[in-house]
Amino acid sequence: MNERDMKLLLDAQALKKIQVHYGVMSQGYMIVADGKPLETGKKETREFKTLDAAAKLLFKLGIADFAVKLKTTG
């Protein structure tokens, strides 16, 4: 899902769960909406260097309530 798709789903109130996950391998953060990661135009997972950067994008899209998941296993 890209940023445009996410905005359309938000406008339709079709998203239930927004999370920011920490990626150990990339040592960065990714946004996950209803289990699907936010992607770039090249269909690669969009990565953010800081939690603040991910939060700024979510705020820009109109999302003020999201969960942060620092440990993605176990």
C-alpha atoms as a PDB file:
ATOM      1  CA  MET A   1       0.000   0.000   0.000  1.00  0.00           C
ATOM      2  CA  ASN A   2       1.398   3.397  -0.914  1.00  0.00           C
ATOM      3  CA  GLU A   3       0.774   6.765   0.742  1.00  0.00           C
ATOM      4  CA  ARG A   4      -2.059   7.632  -1.674  1.00  0.00           C
ATOM      5  CA  ASP A   5      -3.839   4.317  -1.016  1.00  0.00           C
ATOM      6  CA  MET A   6      -3.496   4.819   2.725  1.00  0.00           C
ATOM      7  CA  LYS A   7      -5.033   8.298   2.490  1.00  0.00           C
ATOM      8  CA  LEU A   8      -7.975   6.946   0.463  1.00  0.00           C
ATOM      9  CA  LEU A   9      -8.592   4.187   3.017  1.00  0.00           C
ATOM     10  CA  LEU A  10      -8.360   6.705   5.858  1.00  0.00           C
ATOM     11  CA  ASP A  11     -10.866   8.993   4.184  1.00  0.00           C
ATOM     12  CA  ALA A  12     -13.216   6.015   3.812  1.00  0.00           C
ATOM     13  CA  GLN A  13     -12.583   5.069   7.466  1.00  0.00           C
ATOM     14  CA  ALA A  14     -11.553   1.616   6.284  1.00  0.00           C
ATOM     15  CA  LEU A  15      -8.357   1.242   8.331  1.00  0.00           C
ATOM     16  CA  LYS A  16      -8.634  -0.377  11.743  1.00  0.00           C
ATOM     17  CA  LYS A  17      -5.063  -0.607  13.032  1.00  0.00           C
ATOM     18  CA  ILE A  18      -2.020   1.599  12.385  1.00  0.00           C
ATOM     19  CA  GLN A  19       1.335   0.597  13.850  1.00  0.00           C
ATOM     20  CA  VAL A  20       4.928   1.733  13.569  1.00  0.00           C
ATOM     21  CA  HIS A  21       7.281  -1.257  13.733  1.00  0.00           C
ATOM     22  CA  TYR A  22      10.981  -1.162  14.481  1.00  0.00           C
ATOM     23  CA  GLY A  23      12.953  -3.206  11.962  1.00  0.00           C
ATOM     24  CA  VAL A  24      16.014  -4.761  13.567  1.00  0.00           C
ATOM     25  CA  MET A  25      17.605  -5.646  10.237  1.00  0.00           C
ATOM     26  CA  SER A  26      17.160  -2.182   8.741  1.00  0.00           C
ATOM     27  CA  GLN A  27      17.607  -0.411  12.083  1.00  0.00           C
ATOM     28  CA  GLY A  28      14.734   1.844  11.173  1.00  0.00           C
ATOM     29  CA  TYR A  29      10.958   2.085  11.376  1.00  0.00           C
ATOM     30  CA  MET A  30       8.136   1.155   9.042  1.00  0.00           C
ATOM     31  CA  ILE A  31       4.450   1.997   9.049  1.00  0.00           C
ATOM     32  CA  VAL A  32       2.036  -0.953   8.980  1.00  0.00           C
ATOM     33  CA  ALA A  33      -1.680  -0.423   8.332  1.00  0.00           C
ATOM     34  CA  ASP A  34      -3.959  -3.412   8.896  1.00  0.00           C
ATOM     35  CA  GLY A  35      -0.983  -5.744   8.484  1.00  0.00           C
ATOM     36  CA  LYS A  36       0.282  -4.186   5.226  1.00  0.00           C
ATOM     37  CA  PRO A  37       3.469  -2.101   5.168  1.00  0.00           C
ATOM     38  CA  LEU A  38       3.578   1.347   3.616  1.00  0.00           C
ATOM     39  CA  GLU A  39       5.512   1.074   0.345  1.00  0.00           C
ATOM     40  CA  THR A  40       7.467   3.322  -1.968  1.00  0.00           C
ATOM     41  CA  GLY A  41       6.568   3.803  -5.613  1.00  0.00           C
ATOM     42  CA  LYS A  42       8.857   0.867  -6.412  1.00  0.00           C
ATOM     43  CA  LYS A  43       6.821  -1.462  -4.154  1.00  0.00           C
ATOM     44  CA  GLU A  44       9.582  -1.605  -1.535  1.00  0.00           C
ATOM     45  CA  THR A  45       8.810  -1.163   2.156  1.00  0.00           C
ATOM     46  CA  ARG A  46       9.182   2.497   3.040  1.00  0.00           C
ATOM     47  CA  GLU A  47      11.657   2.913   5.872  1.00  0.00           C
ATOM     48  CA  PHE A  48      12.098   5.798   8.289  1.00  0.00           C
ATOM     49  CA  LYS A  49      15.337   6.464  10.184  1.00  0.00           C
ATOM     50  CA  THR A  50      13.541   7.779  13.255  1.00  0.00           C
ATOM     51  CA  LEU A  51      10.254   7.249  15.018  1.00  0.00           C
ATOM     52  CA  ASP A  52       9.672  11.000  14.744  1.00  0.00           C
ATOM     53  CA  ALA A  53       9.902  10.853  10.940  1.00  0.00           C
ATOM     54  CA  ALA A  54       7.279   8.095  10.785  1.00  0.00           C
ATOM     55  CA  ALA A  55       5.034   9.973  13.232  1.00  0.00           C
ATOM     56  CA  LYS A  56       5.305  13.177  11.174  1.00  0.00           C
ATOM     57  CA  LEU A  57       4.062  11.381   8.065  1.00  0.00           C
ATOM     58  CA  LEU A  58       1.173   9.827   9.982  1.00  0.00           C
ATOM     59  CA  PHE A  59       0.259  13.226  11.425  1.00  0.00           C
ATOM     60  CA  LYS A  60       0.394  14.730   7.913  1.00  0.00           C
ATOM     61  CA  LEU A  61      -2.076  12.061   6.782  1.00  0.00           C
ATOM     62  CA  GLY A  62      -4.380  12.911   9.680  1.00  0.00           C
ATOM     63  CA  ILE A  63      -3.504  10.013  11.983  1.00  0.00           C
ATOM     64  CA  ALA A  64      -2.930  10.982  15.599  1.00  0.00           C
ATOM     65  CA  ASP A  65      -3.569   7.583  17.213  1.00  0.00           C
ATOM     66  CA  PHE A  66      -1.210   4.718  16.417  1.00  0.00           C
ATOM     67  CA  ALA A  67       0.735   2.008  18.220  1.00  0.00           C
ATOM     68  CA  VAL A  68       4.493   1.572  18.326  1.00  0.00           C
ATOM     69  CA  LYS A  69       5.823  -1.974  18.273  1.00  0.00           C
ATOM     70  CA  LEU A  70       9.531  -2.170  19.120  1.00  0.00           C
ATOM     71  CA  LYS A  71       9.764  -5.957  19.327  1.00  0.00           C
ATOM     72  CA  THR A  72       8.225  -7.838  16.412  1.00  0.00           C
ATOM     73  CA  THR A  73       8.939 -11.420  17.520  1.00  0.00           C
ATOM     74  CA  GLY A  74       7.756 -13.585  20.373  1.00  0.00           C
END
